């Protein structure tokens, strides 16, 4: 039986930006920008490319808690330093990813890396919130530092470009990051005229963020820089062609069919669990992290 092409649900423009701390100017595509089905991906904050002026005191976001999900930060331009209450720290540069599993609870802070801050320059990042299945929400926190040099990369034929496999699997290449539910996170870096085909199960919620360039989907719809392409759950195959040199963040995952209760930085299944998270945070159970 021939595989069916997955159709485009919508090509979405970036919603109006807002500041997170003083270091991240983000467009929230979901859940607040657009009400689209993207579980297990709960949130997509996109810091479209902007120039930050040089300064000695790094911009960023101070200490804050999380419980019940994972934060995934993908760097395209600039550099971000991370510290958390489990003792993890690291810096991501363009092409790198930090994958923090908050799970039972963690405090963290994120700032522009000192050297980048002092020079200033272009800054472009994505942060995803990935929901955890209920059975893993209270598992121990962990941190995965995924350097670009260590990423699995599938080189496409005909000098089309390459697919960086951050998580999941593409053409037999497995991503560096381990996940708690089936999902795929790729960067497709295509040269002008380059083509690639993705094949995901019908049930997986799927969307593409055009980080750079312009692309054609399935030989028809065109999506431009800073637009998000949301797909219907009606097929497996998605063809992507770069109309100019392009970078596309590819997200696809098996939905987590469980109730969702969210309050600020907590993502749980019930309002009682949210109350417990607030209580545990107030009692200092998320550990300690210096401002």
C-alpha atoms as a PDB file:
ATOM      1  CA  UNK A   1       0.000   0.000   0.000  1.00  0.00           C
ATOM      2  CA  UNK A   2       1.400   3.380  -0.982  1.00  0.00           C
ATOM      3  CA  UNK A   3       2.078   5.755   1.907  1.00  0.00           C
ATOM      4  CA  UNK A   4      -0.156   8.803   2.013  1.00  0.00           C
ATOM      5  CA  UNK A   5       1.072  12.393   1.954  1.00  0.00           C
ATOM      6  CA  UNK A   6       0.332  14.363   5.146  1.00  0.00           C
ATOM      7  CA  UNK A   7      -1.476  17.614   4.384  1.00  0.00           C
ATOM      8  CA  UNK A   8      -0.821  21.065   5.825  1.00  0.00           C
ATOM      9  CA  UNK A   9      -3.335  22.249   8.430  1.00  0.00           C
ATOM     10  CA  UNK A  10      -2.027  25.849   8.499  1.00  0.00           C
ATOM     11  CA  UNK A  11       1.010  28.020   7.833  1.00  0.00           C
ATOM     12  CA  UNK A  12       1.152  30.262  10.904  1.00  0.00           C
ATOM     13  CA  UNK A  13       2.786  33.672  11.268  1.00  0.00           C
ATOM     14  CA  UNK A  14       4.805  34.406  14.405  1.00  0.00           C
ATOM     15  CA  UNK A  15       2.539  35.854  17.128  1.00  0.00           C
ATOM     16  CA  UNK A  16       3.464  39.212  18.694  1.00  0.00           C
ATOM     17  CA  UNK A  17       6.666  38.872  20.762  1.00  0.00           C
ATOM     18  CA  UNK A  18       7.046  39.261  24.516  1.00  0.00           C
ATOM     19  CA  UNK A  19      10.079  39.315  26.795  1.00  0.00           C
ATOM     20  CA  UNK A  20      11.036  36.411  29.051  1.00  0.00           C
ATOM     21  CA  UNK A  21      13.330  38.025  31.601  1.00  0.00           C
ATOM     22  CA  UNK A  22      15.435  40.613  29.785  1.00  0.00           C
ATOM     23  CA  UNK A  23      17.314  38.129  27.589  1.00  0.00           C
ATOM     24  CA  UNK A  24      14.724  36.356  25.456  1.00  0.00           C
ATOM     25  CA  UNK A  25      12.323  38.096  23.062  1.00  0.00           C
ATOM     26  CA  UNK A  26      10.013  35.267  22.112  1.00  0.00           C
ATOM     27  CA  UNK A  27       7.053  34.490  19.882  1.00  0.00           C
ATOM     28  CA  UNK A  28       4.864  31.875  21.573  1.00  0.00           C
ATOM     29  CA  UNK A  29       3.441  29.726  18.762  1.00  0.00           C
ATOM     30  CA  UNK A  30       1.660  27.433  21.209  1.00  0.00           C
ATOM     31  CA  UNK A  31      -0.165  26.984  23.510  1.00  0.00           C
ATOM     32  CA  UNK A  32      -1.089  30.699  23.775  1.00  0.00           C
ATOM     33  CA  UNK A  33      -0.337  31.916  20.240  1.00  0.00           C
ATOM     34  CA  UNK A  34      -2.332  29.226  18.464  1.00  0.00           C
ATOM     35  CA  UNK A  35      -4.514  26.449  19.891  1.00  0.00           C
ATOM     36  CA  UNK A  36      -3.079  23.575  17.872  1.00  0.00           C
ATOM     37  CA  UNK A  37      -2.637  19.895  18.639  1.00  0.00           C
ATOM     38  CA  UNK A  38       1.099  19.384  19.257  1.00  0.00           C
ATOM     39  CA  UNK A  39       1.257  17.027  22.284  1.00  0.00           C
ATOM     40  CA  UNK A  40       3.726  15.838  23.569  1.00  0.00           C
ATOM     41  CA  UNK A  41       5.174  19.297  22.735  1.00  0.00           C
ATOM     42  CA  UNK A  42       3.355  21.611  25.133  1.00  0.00           C
ATOM     43  CA  UNK A  43       5.024  24.932  24.349  1.00  0.00           C
ATOM     44  CA  UNK A  44       7.124  26.511  21.617  1.00  0.00           C
ATOM     45  CA  UNK A  45       8.829  29.817  22.406  1.00  0.00           C
ATOM     46  CA  UNK A  46      10.779  31.125  19.435  1.00  0.00           C
ATOM     47  CA  UNK A  47      13.363  33.878  19.849  1.00  0.00           C
ATOM     48  CA  UNK A  48      13.490  35.024  16.211  1.00  0.00           C
ATOM     49  CA  UNK A  49      16.858  36.433  15.151  1.00  0.00           C
ATOM     50  CA  UNK A  50      17.584  39.812  16.763  1.00  0.00           C
ATOM     51  CA  UNK A  51      20.705  41.818  17.569  1.00  0.00           C
ATOM     52  CA  UNK A  52      21.649  42.314  21.211  1.00  0.00           C
ATOM     53  CA  UNK A  53      23.990  45.179  22.051  1.00  0.00           C
ATOM     54  CA  UNK A  54      27.159  44.505  24.027  1.00  0.00           C
ATOM     55  CA  UNK A  55      26.949  44.778  27.805  1.00  0.00           C
ATOM     56  CA  UNK A  56      28.924  43.603  30.834  1.00  0.00           C
ATOM     57  CA  UNK A  57      25.964  42.321  32.871  1.00  0.00           C
ATOM     58  CA  UNK A  58      24.477  39.325  30.999  1.00  0.00           C
ATOM     59  CA  UNK A  59      20.792  39.430  30.125  1.00  0.00           C
ATOM     60  CA  UNK A  60      18.659  36.422  30.977  1.00  0.00           C
ATOM     61  CA  UNK A  61      16.112  34.836  33.292  1.00  0.00           C
ATOM     62  CA  UNK A  62      16.708  34.511  37.028  1.00  0.00           C
ATOM     63  CA  UNK A  63      16.059  31.492  39.233  1.00  0.00           C
ATOM     64  CA  UNK A  64      12.661  29.850  38.654  1.00  0.00           C
ATOM     65  CA  UNK A  65      11.114  26.400  39.243  1.00  0.00           C
ATOM     66  CA  UNK A  66       9.749  23.695  36.923  1.00  0.00           C
ATOM     67  CA  UNK A  67       7.957  20.404  37.526  1.00  0.00           C
ATOM     68  CA  UNK A  68       6.321  17.755  35.348  1.00  0.00           C
ATOM     69  CA  UNK A  69       7.986  18.276  31.963  1.00  0.00           C
ATOM     70  CA  UNK A  70      11.251  18.899  30.068  1.00  0.00           C
ATOM     71  CA  UNK A  71      12.700  22.118  28.698  1.00  0.00           C
ATOM     72  CA  UNK A  72      14.671  21.840  25.476  1.00  0.00           C
ATOM     73  CA  UNK A  73      16.699  24.844  24.336  1.00  0.00           C
ATOM     74  CA  UNK A  74      18.125  24.860  20.798  1.00  0.00           C
ATOM     75  CA  UNK A  75      20.721  27.501  19.859  1.00  0.00           C
ATOM     76  CA  UNK A  76      20.943  28.954  16.340  1.00  0.00           C
ATOM     77  CA  UNK A  77      22.806  32.223  17.057  1.00  0.00           C
ATOM     78  CA  UNK A  78      24.357  33.459  20.299  1.00  0.00           C
ATOM     79  CA  UNK A  79      25.231  31.515  23.442  1.00  0.00           C
ATOM     80  CA  UNK A  80      23.334  30.675  26.642  1.00  0.00           C
ATOM     81  CA  UNK A  81      24.632  29.527  30.037  1.00  0.00           C
ATOM     82  CA  UNK A  82      22.513  27.240  32.236  1.00  0.00           C
ATOM     83  CA  UNK A  83      22.656  26.497  35.994  1.00  0.00           C
ATOM     84  CA  UNK A  84      20.267  24.341  38.012  1.00  0.00           C
ATOM     85  CA  UNK A  85      19.657  23.163  41.566  1.00  0.00           C
ATOM     86  CA  UNK A  86      20.754  19.599  40.721  1.00  0.00           C
ATOM     87  CA  UNK A  87      24.283  20.934  40.207  1.00  0.00           C
ATOM     88  CA  UNK A  88      24.219  20.909  36.400  1.00  0.00           C
ATOM     89  CA  UNK A  89      25.633  23.742  34.359  1.00  0.00           C
ATOM     90  CA  UNK A  90      26.643  24.236  30.764  1.00  0.00           C
ATOM     91  CA  UNK A  91      26.861  26.609  27.829  1.00  0.00           C
ATOM     92  CA  UNK A  92      25.232  26.053  24.459  1.00  0.00           C
ATOM     93  CA  UNK A  93      26.595  27.651  21.306  1.00  0.00           C
ATOM     94  CA  UNK A  94      25.049  27.705  17.799  1.00  0.00           C
ATOM     95  CA  UNK A  95      24.029  24.163  16.844  1.00  0.00           C
ATOM     96  CA  UNK A  96      23.990  22.887  20.447  1.00  0.00           C
ATOM     97  CA  UNK A  97      21.002  21.757  22.529  1.00  0.00           C
ATOM     98  CA  UNK A  98      20.369  21.551  26.263  1.00  0.00           C
ATOM     99  CA  UNK A  99      17.715  19.068  27.342  1.00  0.00           C
ATOM    100  CA  UNK A 100      16.646  19.539  30.954  1.00  0.00           C
ATOM    101  CA  UNK A 101      14.238  17.067  32.541  1.00  0.00           C
ATOM    102  CA  UNK A 102      12.605  18.977  35.394  1.00  0.00           C
ATOM    103  CA  UNK A 103      10.355  16.004  36.318  1.00  0.00           C
ATOM    104  CA  UNK A 104       9.893  15.967  40.141  1.00  0.00           C
ATOM    105  CA  UNK A 105      11.162  19.526  40.441  1.00  0.00           C
ATOM    106  CA  UNK A 106      14.161  21.720  39.784  1.00  0.00           C
ATOM    107  CA  UNK A 107      15.244  25.355  39.966  1.00  0.00           C
ATOM    108  CA  UNK A 108      17.208  26.796  37.067  1.00  0.00           C
ATOM    109  CA  UNK A 109      18.385  30.025  35.502  1.00  0.00           C
ATOM    110  CA  UNK A 110      19.466  30.886  31.971  1.00  0.00           C
ATOM    111  CA  UNK A 111      21.647  33.791  30.895  1.00  0.00           C
ATOM    112  CA  UNK A 112      23.472  34.998  27.828  1.00  0.00           C
ATOM    113  CA  UNK A 113      26.971  33.546  28.069  1.00  0.00           C
ATOM    114  CA  UNK A 114      29.489  36.108  29.390  1.00  0.00           C
ATOM    115  CA  UNK A 115      31.625  36.277  26.227  1.00  0.00           C
ATOM    116  CA  UNK A 116      28.592  36.709  23.956  1.00  0.00           C
ATOM    117  CA  UNK A 117      27.203  39.359  26.300  1.00  0.00           C
ATOM    118  CA  UNK A 118      30.379  41.426  26.139  1.00  0.00           C
ATOM    119  CA  UNK A 119      30.485  41.312  22.332  1.00  0.00           C
ATOM    120  CA  UNK A 120      26.764  41.392  21.543  1.00  0.00           C
ATOM    121  CA  UNK A 121      25.499  40.236  18.170  1.00  0.00           C
ATOM    122  CA  UNK A 122      22.777  38.126  16.563  1.00  0.00           C
ATOM    123  CA  UNK A 123      20.747  35.918  18.921  1.00  0.00           C
ATOM    124  CA  UNK A 124      18.285  33.204  17.898  1.00  0.00           C
ATOM    125  CA  UNK A 125      16.965  30.354  20.040  1.00  0.00           C
ATOM    126  CA  UNK A 126      14.042  27.951  20.429  1.00  0.00           C
ATOM    127  CA  UNK A 127      12.728  26.656  23.738  1.00  0.00           C
ATOM    128  CA  UNK A 128      10.327  23.733  23.804  1.00  0.00           C
ATOM    129  CA  UNK A 129       8.399  22.396  26.759  1.00  0.00           C
ATOM    130  CA  UNK A 130       7.889  18.665  26.310  1.00  0.00           C
ATOM    131  CA  UNK A 131       5.259  17.036  28.483  1.00  0.00           C
ATOM    132  CA  UNK A 132       6.073  13.908  30.479  1.00  0.00           C
ATOM    133  CA  UNK A 133       3.693  10.951  30.813  1.00  0.00           C
ATOM    134  CA  UNK A 134       2.119  10.842  34.299  1.00  0.00           C
ATOM    135  CA  UNK A 135       4.232   7.862  35.356  1.00  0.00           C
ATOM    136  CA  UNK A 136       7.441   9.869  34.797  1.00  0.00           C
ATOM    137  CA  UNK A 137       6.401  13.286  36.132  1.00  0.00           C
ATOM    138  CA  UNK A 138       7.938  12.661  39.560  1.00  0.00           C
ATOM    139  CA  UNK A 139      11.104  10.918  38.356  1.00  0.00           C
ATOM    140  CA  UNK A 140      14.493  12.449  39.290  1.00  0.00           C
ATOM    141  CA  UNK A 141      15.592  15.553  37.347  1.00  0.00           C
ATOM    142  CA  UNK A 142      18.357  15.164  34.780  1.00  0.00           C
ATOM    143  CA  UNK A 143      20.275  17.227  32.255  1.00  0.00           C
ATOM    144  CA  UNK A 144      21.492  16.290  28.775  1.00  0.00           C
ATOM    145  CA  UNK A 145      24.076  18.525  27.130  1.00  0.00           C
ATOM    146  CA  UNK A 146      23.873  17.761  23.392  1.00  0.00           C
ATOM    147  CA  UNK A 147      26.811  19.295  21.538  1.00  0.00           C
ATOM    148  CA  UNK A 148      26.509  19.772  17.789  1.00  0.00           C
ATOM    149  CA  UNK A 149      29.772  17.940  17.167  1.00  0.00           C
ATOM    150  CA  UNK A 150      28.309  14.817  18.809  1.00  0.00           C
ATOM    151  CA  UNK A 151      24.950  14.902  16.994  1.00  0.00           C
ATOM    152  CA  UNK A 152      24.006  12.208  14.515  1.00  0.00           C
ATOM    153  CA  UNK A 153      23.876  13.827  11.072  1.00  0.00           C
ATOM    154  CA  UNK A 154      22.372  12.246   7.963  1.00  0.00           C
ATOM    155  CA  UNK A 155      23.930  13.692   4.810  1.00  0.00           C
ATOM    156  CA  UNK A 156      21.283  13.938   2.087  1.00  0.00           C
ATOM    157  CA  UNK A 157      22.017  12.895  -1.505  1.00  0.00           C
ATOM    158  CA  UNK A 158      22.609  15.350  -4.365  1.00  0.00           C
ATOM    159  CA  UNK A 159      24.194  17.951  -2.074  1.00  0.00           C
ATOM    160  CA  UNK A 160      20.733  18.674  -0.653  1.00  0.00           C
ATOM    161  CA  UNK A 161      22.094  19.319   2.839  1.00  0.00           C
ATOM    162  CA  UNK A 162      21.772  17.329   6.060  1.00  0.00           C
ATOM    163  CA  UNK A 163      19.408  16.330   8.846  1.00  0.00           C
ATOM    164  CA  UNK A 164      20.684  16.718  12.413  1.00  0.00           C
ATOM    165  CA  UNK A 165      18.982  14.154  14.640  1.00  0.00           C
ATOM    166  CA  UNK A 166      18.598  15.717  18.091  1.00  0.00           C
ATOM    167  CA  UNK A 167      16.092  13.125  19.349  1.00  0.00           C
ATOM    168  CA  UNK A 168      14.209  10.227  17.809  1.00  0.00           C
ATOM    169  CA  UNK A 169      15.394   8.604  14.599  1.00  0.00           C
ATOM    170  CA  UNK A 170      15.899   9.521  10.956  1.00  0.00           C
ATOM    171  CA  UNK A 171      16.911   6.951   8.314  1.00  0.00           C
ATOM    172  CA  UNK A 172      18.344   4.623  10.946  1.00  0.00           C
ATOM    173  CA  UNK A 173      20.313   7.349  12.753  1.00  0.00           C
ATOM    174  CA  UNK A 174      19.324   7.773  16.392  1.00  0.00           C
ATOM    175  CA  UNK A 175      19.394  11.131  18.196  1.00  0.00           C
ATOM    176  CA  UNK A 176      21.680  11.826  21.136  1.00  0.00           C
ATOM    177  CA  UNK A 177      18.905  12.837  23.542  1.00  0.00           C
ATOM    178  CA  UNK A 178      16.910  10.169  25.364  1.00  0.00           C
ATOM    179  CA  UNK A 179      13.156  10.765  25.687  1.00  0.00           C
ATOM    180  CA  UNK A 180      10.302   9.492  27.878  1.00  0.00           C
ATOM    181  CA  UNK A 181       7.791   9.074  25.034  1.00  0.00           C
ATOM    182  CA  UNK A 182       8.201   8.508  21.270  1.00  0.00           C
ATOM    183  CA  UNK A 183       9.128  11.762  19.533  1.00  0.00           C
ATOM    184  CA  UNK A 184      11.416  13.234  16.902  1.00  0.00           C
ATOM    185  CA  UNK A 185      13.319  16.535  16.976  1.00  0.00           C
ATOM    186  CA  UNK A 186      15.462  17.316  13.910  1.00  0.00           C
ATOM    187  CA  UNK A 187      17.172  20.291  12.299  1.00  0.00           C
ATOM    188  CA  UNK A 188      16.911  20.021   8.519  1.00  0.00           C
ATOM    189  CA  UNK A 189      19.666  22.188   7.065  1.00  0.00           C
ATOM    190  CA  UNK A 190      19.011  22.364   3.327  1.00  0.00           C
ATOM    191  CA  UNK A 191      20.905  23.976   0.490  1.00  0.00           C
ATOM    192  CA  UNK A 192      18.947  25.889  -2.172  1.00  0.00           C
ATOM    193  CA  UNK A 193      17.059  23.313  -4.220  1.00  0.00           C
ATOM    194  CA  UNK A 194      17.711  20.632  -1.611  1.00  0.00           C
ATOM    195  CA  UNK A 195      14.957  18.112  -0.928  1.00  0.00           C
ATOM    196  CA  UNK A 196      14.105  15.740   1.915  1.00  0.00           C
ATOM    197  CA  UNK A 197      11.157  13.486   2.769  1.00  0.00           C
ATOM    198  CA  UNK A 198      10.009  12.740   6.316  1.00  0.00           C
ATOM    199  CA  UNK A 199       7.851   9.761   7.253  1.00  0.00           C
ATOM    200  CA  UNK A 200       5.940   9.887  10.554  1.00  0.00           C
ATOM    201  CA  UNK A 201       3.056   7.755  11.880  1.00  0.00           C
ATOM    202  CA  UNK A 202      -0.378   9.267  11.144  1.00  0.00           C
ATOM    203  CA  UNK A 203      -1.107   9.636  14.869  1.00  0.00           C
ATOM    204  CA  UNK A 204       2.000  11.730  15.603  1.00  0.00           C
ATOM    205  CA  UNK A 205       1.365  15.465  15.987  1.00  0.00           C
ATOM    206  CA  UNK A 206       3.735  17.245  13.621  1.00  0.00           C
ATOM    207  CA  UNK A 207       4.943  20.786  12.926  1.00  0.00           C
ATOM    208  CA  UNK A 208       7.872  22.543  11.243  1.00  0.00           C
ATOM    209  CA  UNK A 209       9.392  25.883  12.266  1.00  0.00           C
ATOM    210  CA  UNK A 210      11.202  27.716   9.462  1.00  0.00           C
ATOM    211  CA  UNK A 211      14.222  29.120  11.294  1.00  0.00           C
ATOM    212  CA  UNK A 212      15.907  30.422   8.163  1.00  0.00           C
ATOM    213  CA  UNK A 213      15.099  30.624   4.465  1.00  0.00           C
ATOM    214  CA  UNK A 214      11.981  29.689   2.498  1.00  0.00           C
ATOM    215  CA  UNK A 215      10.669  26.199   1.818  1.00  0.00           C
ATOM    216  CA  UNK A 216       7.999  24.443  -0.204  1.00  0.00           C
ATOM    217  CA  UNK A 217       5.919  21.723   1.478  1.00  0.00           C
ATOM    218  CA  UNK A 218       4.730  18.740  -0.595  1.00  0.00           C
ATOM    219  CA  UNK A 219       5.413  20.702  -3.785  1.00  0.00           C
ATOM    220  CA  UNK A 220       2.627  23.154  -2.943  1.00  0.00           C
ATOM    221  CA  UNK A 221       2.471  25.416   0.151  1.00  0.00           C
ATOM    222  CA  UNK A 222       5.337  27.853   0.732  1.00  0.00           C
ATOM    223  CA  UNK A 223       6.533  28.695   4.250  1.00  0.00           C
ATOM    224  CA  UNK A 224       8.924  31.546   4.987  1.00  0.00           C
ATOM    225  CA  UNK A 225      11.383  32.470   7.741  1.00  0.00           C
ATOM    226  CA  UNK A 226       9.743  32.619  11.196  1.00  0.00           C
ATOM    227  CA  UNK A 227       6.588  30.779  10.106  1.00  0.00           C
ATOM    228  CA  UNK A 228       5.308  27.534  11.663  1.00  0.00           C
ATOM    229  CA  UNK A 229       3.754  24.806   9.522  1.00  0.00           C
ATOM    230  CA  UNK A 230       1.163  22.676  11.325  1.00  0.00           C
ATOM    231  CA  UNK A 231       0.090  19.377   9.773  1.00  0.00           C
ATOM    232  CA  UNK A 232      -3.081  17.315   9.821  1.00  0.00           C
ATOM    233  CA  UNK A 233      -2.985  13.752  11.170  1.00  0.00           C
ATOM    234  CA  UNK A 234      -3.953  12.324   7.793  1.00  0.00           C
ATOM    235  CA  UNK A 235      -0.801  10.898   6.263  1.00  0.00           C
ATOM    236  CA  UNK A 236       2.779   9.813   6.746  1.00  0.00           C
ATOM    237  CA  UNK A 237       4.974  11.501   4.153  1.00  0.00           C
ATOM    238  CA  UNK A 238       6.038  15.146   4.091  1.00  0.00           C
ATOM    239  CA  UNK A 239       8.215  16.465   1.274  1.00  0.00           C
ATOM    240  CA  UNK A 240      10.343  19.526   1.956  1.00  0.00           C
ATOM    241  CA  UNK A 241      12.186  21.558  -0.689  1.00  0.00           C
ATOM    242  CA  UNK A 242      14.410  24.564   0.043  1.00  0.00           C
ATOM    243  CA  UNK A 243      13.740  27.568  -2.209  1.00  0.00           C
ATOM    244  CA  UNK A 244      16.931  29.096  -0.763  1.00  0.00           C
ATOM    245  CA  UNK A 245      19.429  27.928   1.854  1.00  0.00           C
ATOM    246  CA  UNK A 246      17.148  27.013   4.757  1.00  0.00           C
ATOM    247  CA  UNK A 247      17.031  25.663   8.305  1.00  0.00           C
ATOM    248  CA  UNK A 248      13.847  23.942   9.499  1.00  0.00           C
ATOM    249  CA  UNK A 249      13.124  22.615  12.994  1.00  0.00           C
ATOM    250  CA  UNK A 250      11.122  19.396  12.596  1.00  0.00           C
ATOM    251  CA  UNK A 251       8.894  18.248  15.479  1.00  0.00           C
ATOM    252  CA  UNK A 252       6.796  15.077  15.524  1.00  0.00           C
ATOM    253  CA  UNK A 253       5.625  13.002  18.462  1.00  0.00           C
ATOM    254  CA  UNK A 254       3.102  10.527  19.778  1.00  0.00           C
ATOM    255  CA  UNK A 255       0.417  12.452  21.679  1.00  0.00           C
ATOM    256  CA  UNK A 256       0.204  11.886  25.443  1.00  0.00           C
ATOM    257  CA  UNK A 257      -3.469  11.095  25.947  1.00  0.00           C
ATOM    258  CA  UNK A 258      -3.760  12.270  29.552  1.00  0.00           C
ATOM    259  CA  UNK A 259      -5.387  15.265  31.256  1.00  0.00           C
ATOM    260  CA  UNK A 260      -3.229  18.393  31.475  1.00  0.00           C
ATOM    261  CA  UNK A 261      -3.164  20.849  34.364  1.00  0.00           C
ATOM    262  CA  UNK A 262      -0.802  23.792  33.949  1.00  0.00           C
ATOM    263  CA  UNK A 263      -0.027  26.661  36.269  1.00  0.00           C
ATOM    264  CA  UNK A 264       2.951  28.870  35.394  1.00  0.00           C
ATOM    265  CA  UNK A 265       6.076  26.684  35.451  1.00  0.00           C
ATOM    266  CA  UNK A 266       4.253  23.516  36.554  1.00  0.00           C
ATOM    267  CA  UNK A 267       2.722  20.992  34.139  1.00  0.00           C
ATOM    268  CA  UNK A 268       0.838  18.172  35.822  1.00  0.00           C
ATOM    269  CA  UNK A 269      -2.325  16.061  35.353  1.00  0.00           C
ATOM    270  CA  UNK A 270      -4.617  17.432  38.086  1.00  0.00           C
ATOM    271  CA  UNK A 271      -5.203  20.660  39.992  1.00  0.00           C
ATOM    272  CA  UNK A 272      -4.333  18.785  43.218  1.00  0.00           C
ATOM    273  CA  UNK A 273      -0.881  17.996  41.788  1.00  0.00           C
ATOM    274  CA  UNK A 274      -0.459  21.677  40.900  1.00  0.00           C
ATOM    275  CA  UNK A 275      -1.284  22.658  44.508  1.00  0.00           C
ATOM    276  CA  UNK A 276       1.243  20.071  45.718  1.00  0.00           C
ATOM    277  CA  UNK A 277       3.891  21.492  43.371  1.00  0.00           C
ATOM    278  CA  UNK A 278       3.311  25.019  44.707  1.00  0.00           C
ATOM    279  CA  UNK A 279       3.458  23.747  48.296  1.00  0.00           C
ATOM    280  CA  UNK A 280       6.647  21.742  47.662  1.00  0.00           C
ATOM    281  CA  UNK A 281       8.278  24.742  45.977  1.00  0.00           C
ATOM    282  CA  UNK A 282       7.328  27.038  48.868  1.00  0.00           C
ATOM    283  CA  UNK A 283       8.801  24.510  51.311  1.00  0.00           C
ATOM    284  CA  UNK A 284      12.137  24.529  49.475  1.00  0.00           C
ATOM    285  CA  UNK A 285      11.813  20.965  48.176  1.00  0.00           C
ATOM    286  CA  UNK A 286      13.131  21.933  44.728  1.00  0.00           C
ATOM    287  CA  UNK A 287      16.598  22.514  46.166  1.00  0.00           C
ATOM    288  CA  UNK A 288      18.620  25.725  46.249  1.00  0.00           C
ATOM    289  CA  UNK A 289      20.169  27.834  43.523  1.00  0.00           C
ATOM    290  CA  UNK A 290      21.925  31.138  44.031  1.00  0.00           C
ATOM    291  CA  UNK A 291      20.567  34.101  42.063  1.00  0.00           C
END
